[in-house]
Protein backbone atom coordinates (compact mmCIF):
# COMPACT_ATOMS: atom_id res chain seq x y z
CA MET A 1 189.92 82.74 129.69
CA LYS A 2 187.45 85.60 129.39
CA LYS A 3 188.22 88.94 130.94
CA ILE A 4 185.64 90.75 133.11
CA GLY A 5 185.72 94.54 133.28
CA PHE A 6 184.31 96.69 136.08
CA ILE A 7 182.70 100.05 135.29
CA ASP A 8 181.66 102.19 138.24
CA LEU A 9 180.86 105.71 139.33
CA TYR A 10 183.50 105.14 142.03
CA LEU A 11 185.04 101.75 142.71
CA ASP A 12 185.31 101.90 146.49
CA GLU A 13 181.77 100.70 147.25
CA TRP A 14 180.34 97.52 148.77
CA HIS A 15 179.59 95.59 145.58
CA ALA A 16 182.87 96.41 143.86
CA ASN A 17 184.70 95.54 147.07
CA ASN A 18 183.10 92.07 147.19
CA TYR A 19 182.43 90.97 143.61
CA PRO A 20 186.11 90.22 142.82
CA LYS A 21 186.51 87.62 145.57
CA TRP A 22 183.09 86.14 144.76
CA PHE A 23 183.97 85.80 141.09
CA ARG A 24 187.26 84.12 141.96
CA SER A 25 185.60 81.66 144.35
CA SER A 26 182.69 80.74 142.04
CA GLN A 27 182.43 77.25 140.60
CA PHE A 28 182.82 78.94 137.19
CA GLY A 29 185.60 81.29 138.30
CA SER A 30 188.40 79.32 136.63
CA ASP A 31 187.01 80.35 133.21
CA PHE A 32 187.51 84.06 133.92
CA ILE A 33 190.04 86.63 134.99
CA LEU A 34 189.34 90.13 136.27
CA GLY A 35 190.65 92.07 133.32
CA GLY A 36 190.34 95.67 134.42
CA ALA A 37 188.40 98.44 136.13
CA TRP A 38 187.46 102.05 135.40
CA GLU A 39 185.73 104.64 137.55
CA LYS A 40 184.26 107.97 136.57
CA GLN A 41 185.25 109.73 139.79
CA PRO A 42 187.43 108.78 142.77
CA GLY A 43 185.98 107.31 145.93
CA GLU A 44 187.62 107.12 149.34
CA ARG A 45 190.17 104.76 147.81
CA PRO A 46 191.16 106.15 144.40
CA GLN A 47 191.20 103.80 141.42
CA GLU A 48 194.95 103.10 141.49
CA LEU A 49 194.88 102.08 145.15
CA TRP A 50 191.65 100.07 144.81
CA CYS A 51 192.97 98.20 141.77
CA ARG A 52 196.30 97.46 143.44
CA GLU A 53 194.58 96.02 146.51
CA MET A 54 192.09 94.03 144.39
CA GLU A 55 194.84 92.87 141.98
CA ILE A 56 192.91 94.19 138.98
CA PRO A 57 194.50 96.32 136.21
CA PRO A 58 193.41 99.98 136.31
CA PHE A 59 192.25 101.70 133.12
CA GLN A 60 192.26 105.45 132.57
CA SER A 61 190.20 105.05 129.39
CA LEU A 62 186.75 103.46 129.30
CA ASP A 63 187.19 102.75 125.58
CA ALA A 64 190.40 100.85 126.27
CA LEU A 65 188.68 98.78 128.97
CA ILE A 66 185.84 97.92 126.59
CA GLU A 67 188.33 96.92 123.91
CA THR A 68 190.33 94.73 126.30
CA CYS A 69 187.61 92.87 128.19
CA ASP A 70 185.01 90.31 127.09
CA ALA A 71 182.18 90.96 129.58
CA PHE A 72 181.27 93.77 131.95
CA CYS A 73 179.72 94.70 135.27
CA VAL A 74 178.29 98.21 135.39
CA LEU A 75 177.98 98.79 139.12
CA ALA A 76 177.11 102.03 140.98
CA PRO A 77 174.42 100.26 143.05
CA SER A 78 173.67 103.41 145.05
CA ASN A 79 173.27 105.59 141.95
CA PRO A 80 170.90 104.11 139.36
CA GLU A 81 170.48 107.56 137.87
CA VAL A 82 173.99 107.28 136.35
CA HIS A 83 173.59 103.77 134.89
CA GLU A 84 172.42 105.02 131.51
CA GLU A 85 175.43 107.32 131.20
CA LEU A 86 177.93 104.73 132.45
CA ALA A 87 176.53 102.04 130.14
CA GLN A 88 176.22 104.01 126.88
CA ALA A 89 179.54 102.93 125.40
CA VAL A 90 179.60 99.36 126.70
CA LEU A 91 176.06 98.66 125.46
CA ALA A 92 177.40 99.30 121.96
CA SER A 93 180.13 96.66 122.39
CA GLY A 94 178.17 93.51 121.52
CA LYS A 95 179.67 91.91 124.64
CA PRO A 96 177.61 90.66 127.66
CA VAL A 97 176.78 93.37 130.20
CA PHE A 98 175.39 93.06 133.73
CA ILE A 99 174.00 96.30 135.19
CA ASP A 100 173.67 96.31 138.95
CA LYS A 101 170.40 96.98 140.73
CA PRO A 102 168.49 99.22 140.94
CA PHE A 103 168.75 98.82 137.15
CA ALA A 104 167.24 102.19 136.28
CA PRO A 105 165.44 105.05 138.04
CA ASP A 106 162.22 104.42 136.09
CA GLY A 107 160.65 102.18 133.46
CA MET A 108 161.30 104.50 130.52
CA THR A 109 165.03 104.56 131.27
CA ALA A 110 165.01 100.77 131.63
CA GLU A 111 163.40 100.42 128.20
CA ARG A 112 165.99 102.75 126.66
CA LEU A 113 168.83 100.67 128.08
CA PHE A 114 167.45 97.49 126.53
CA GLU A 115 166.75 99.25 123.24
CA ARG A 116 170.35 100.45 123.03
CA ALA A 117 171.59 96.96 123.81
CA ASP A 118 169.34 95.51 121.10
CA ASN A 119 170.63 98.02 118.55
CA PHE A 120 174.13 96.60 118.96
CA ASN A 121 173.22 92.95 119.71
CA THR A 122 174.60 93.34 123.24
CA PRO A 123 173.36 90.76 125.78
CA LEU A 124 172.10 92.56 128.89
CA PHE A 125 170.59 91.63 132.22
CA SER A 126 170.13 92.89 135.76
CA SER A 127 168.87 91.45 139.02
CA SER A 128 168.91 91.74 142.76
CA ALA A 129 170.54 88.79 144.47
CA LEU A 130 167.26 88.19 146.36
CA ARG A 131 165.80 86.53 143.27
CA PHE A 132 168.42 83.78 143.58
CA GLY A 133 168.02 82.68 147.21
CA ASP A 134 167.74 78.89 147.46
CA GLU A 135 164.49 78.90 149.41
CA LEU A 136 162.63 81.35 147.16
CA SER A 137 163.84 79.55 144.03
CA ALA A 138 162.54 76.26 145.43
CA ILE A 139 159.05 77.59 146.16
CA ARG A 140 158.66 79.84 143.09
CA GLY A 141 156.14 78.39 140.64
CA GLY A 142 155.00 75.69 143.06
CA PHE A 143 151.44 77.02 143.25
CA GLU A 144 149.36 79.98 142.11
CA VAL A 145 150.04 82.85 144.49
CA GLU A 146 147.10 85.11 145.34
CA TYR A 147 148.88 87.14 148.00
CA MET A 148 152.55 87.67 148.76
CA GLU A 149 154.10 89.55 151.62
CA THR A 150 157.78 90.39 151.90
CA GLN A 151 159.98 92.10 154.44
CA GLY A 152 163.57 93.24 154.48
CA GLY A 153 166.11 95.72 155.70
CA GLY A 154 168.06 98.61 154.27
CA SER A 155 169.06 102.11 155.27
CA ASN A 156 166.84 103.85 152.72
CA PHE A 157 163.81 103.02 150.60
CA GLN A 158 165.17 104.34 147.30
CA GLU A 159 168.13 101.95 147.26
CA TYR A 160 166.85 98.88 149.08
CA ALA A 161 163.18 98.51 148.13
CA VAL A 162 164.29 96.92 144.85
CA HIS A 163 165.21 93.71 146.66
CA GLN A 164 161.65 93.05 147.79
CA LEU A 165 160.24 94.12 144.43
CA GLU A 166 162.56 91.61 142.78
CA MET A 167 161.08 88.85 144.95
CA ILE A 168 157.48 89.96 144.32
CA VAL A 169 157.74 90.37 140.55
CA SER A 170 159.72 87.14 140.12
CA VAL A 171 156.85 85.27 141.78
CA MET A 172 153.73 87.21 140.78
CA GLY A 173 154.66 88.72 137.43
CA GLY A 174 152.96 91.81 136.06
CA GLY A 175 149.59 93.47 136.13
CA VAL A 176 149.87 95.85 139.09
CA SER A 177 147.19 98.52 138.67
CA ARG A 178 147.66 100.65 141.79
CA LEU A 179 149.61 100.95 145.02
CA ILE A 180 149.43 102.63 148.40
CA ARG A 181 152.38 103.56 150.63
CA LEU A 182 152.34 104.02 154.40
CA LYS A 183 155.02 104.93 156.92
CA HIS A 184 155.45 104.46 160.63
CA GLY A 185 158.70 105.67 162.13
CA ARG A 186 161.50 104.06 160.12
CA ALA A 187 159.18 101.46 158.59
CA ASP A 188 157.90 101.76 155.03
CA HIS A 189 154.93 99.67 153.92
CA VAL A 190 153.63 99.38 150.35
CA VAL A 191 150.63 97.41 149.10
CA PHE A 192 150.32 96.54 145.40
CA GLU A 193 146.98 95.60 143.85
CA PHE A 194 146.87 93.64 140.58
CA THR A 195 144.21 94.00 137.90
CA ASP A 196 143.02 90.43 138.61
CA GLY A 197 142.53 91.07 142.33
CA ARG A 198 145.79 89.61 143.62
CA ARG A 199 147.78 91.64 146.12
CA ALA A 200 151.34 91.91 147.35
CA ALA A 201 152.76 93.87 150.26
CA MET A 202 156.26 94.81 151.31
CA THR A 203 157.68 96.24 154.53
CA LEU A 204 161.12 97.79 154.76
CA HIS A 205 162.82 98.56 158.06
CA PRO A 206 166.58 98.69 158.76
CA ARG A 207 166.38 95.87 161.31
CA LEU A 208 164.28 93.40 159.33
CA ALA A 209 165.78 90.28 157.75
CA PHE A 210 164.60 89.31 154.28
CA ALA A 211 161.64 86.94 154.29
CA ALA A 212 158.48 86.20 152.33
CA THR A 213 155.04 84.66 152.80
CA LEU A 214 153.16 83.25 149.79
CA LEU A 215 149.46 82.39 149.92
CA GLY A 216 147.22 80.65 147.38
CA ASN A 217 143.69 79.30 147.48
CA ASP A 218 144.79 75.88 148.75
CA ALA A 219 148.48 76.35 149.51
CA ALA A 220 150.87 78.48 151.49
CA GLY A 221 154.60 78.84 151.82
CA GLN A 222 157.09 80.78 153.89
CA VAL A 223 160.66 81.78 153.17
CA VAL A 224 162.53 82.75 156.32
CA LYS A 225 166.07 82.89 154.93
CA MET A 226 167.78 83.51 151.59
CA SER A 227 170.61 81.01 151.45
CA ASN A 228 173.36 81.38 148.84
CA MET A 229 171.75 84.38 147.18
CA PHE A 230 175.07 86.02 146.33
CA PRO A 231 176.90 82.83 145.21
CA ASN A 232 173.90 81.94 143.05
CA LEU A 233 173.79 85.44 141.53
CA ILE A 234 177.51 85.31 140.76
CA ASP A 235 177.13 81.87 139.16
CA ALA A 236 174.24 83.20 137.04
CA MET A 237 176.34 86.20 135.98
CA LEU A 238 179.31 84.07 134.96
CA LYS A 239 177.12 81.65 133.03
CA PHE A 240 175.61 84.67 131.26
CA PHE A 241 179.09 86.02 130.50
CA ASN A 242 179.87 82.67 128.86
CA ASP A 243 176.72 82.04 126.83
CA GLY A 244 175.19 85.51 126.47
CA VAL A 245 171.74 84.26 127.47
CA PRO A 246 170.10 86.52 130.09
CA PRO A 247 168.69 84.48 133.02
CA VAL A 248 166.02 87.11 133.80
CA ASP A 249 163.16 88.21 131.53
CA ARG A 250 163.73 91.83 130.56
CA GLN A 251 160.04 92.61 131.05
CA GLU A 252 160.42 91.77 134.74
CA THR A 253 163.42 94.10 135.00
CA ILE A 254 161.50 96.94 133.31
CA ARG A 255 158.46 96.25 135.49
CA ILE A 256 160.56 96.38 138.68
CA ALA A 257 162.04 99.74 137.64
CA SER A 258 158.56 101.12 136.97
CA LEU A 259 157.16 99.90 140.29
CA LEU A 260 160.15 101.20 142.24
CA HIS A 261 159.72 104.63 140.66
CA ALA A 262 155.99 104.65 141.46
CA ALA A 263 156.60 103.52 145.05
CA ILE A 264 159.24 106.21 145.61
CA ASP A 265 156.93 108.89 144.20
CA ALA A 266 154.10 107.67 146.45
CA GLU A 267 155.93 109.09 149.49
CA GLU A 268 154.28 112.41 148.61
CA PHE A 269 150.85 110.78 148.81
CA LEU A 270 151.05 108.60 151.93
CA GLY A 271 147.80 106.76 152.65
CA GLU A 272 146.39 107.35 149.16
CA TRP A 273 145.90 104.74 146.46
CA ARG A 274 147.86 105.70 143.35
CA GLU A 275 147.03 104.36 139.91
CA ILE A 276 149.93 102.96 137.86
């Protein structure tokens, strides 16, 4: 059985609190055990208490965790700015690594992470769970999309916009040339224009459920729920931990990081088109 290690800024956060039970309940869960966890700084529940409650061995040394385990989750989903620091040692391990979303604070950092992984033949991938919803997976690739519109919730744009960007890029690919950001109350709205004339738009508001509309010249589709997005993500992660084959194209991950950075920066230029 392969051992999964958790690496986090602090372990007492939503993803770390839920991933263990999801791993254990996955259809592939019998092939793995949760081999250990390490945090850089204590959260509300310090590492010893968190590990005892999660039934996961605590590690005081990151090097010892990397030596002991066979695959890793680098978490800190609220702090992408620390992912590069947290992942430096494990990306030199040659063992599969999943880095939680947002993967990186910008495209240049995302490229550096993949370059370091390549230097040590370390398999690496990242994704939002929204990519893996049953309904979006079923409609993706079914027709050529000229316009896509997404919506979703979240308490802040910096942390939660990545989910809608994951949906947009997974369907429409690359080629965004400029964007414009607008705000109304607690709602954020961003329009992306592609070099070939296609467009995508996203709206984030704390009370919105995730959904998407896809339009083509002679076809249309709507996604009004995202069934099994977390179970499907966990299954994809465990398959990756087994075979070392990333299920997401790295160029999409880098592109998402670049677009998220540009959209965050556009808050200073509301109502103005910004070239990318």
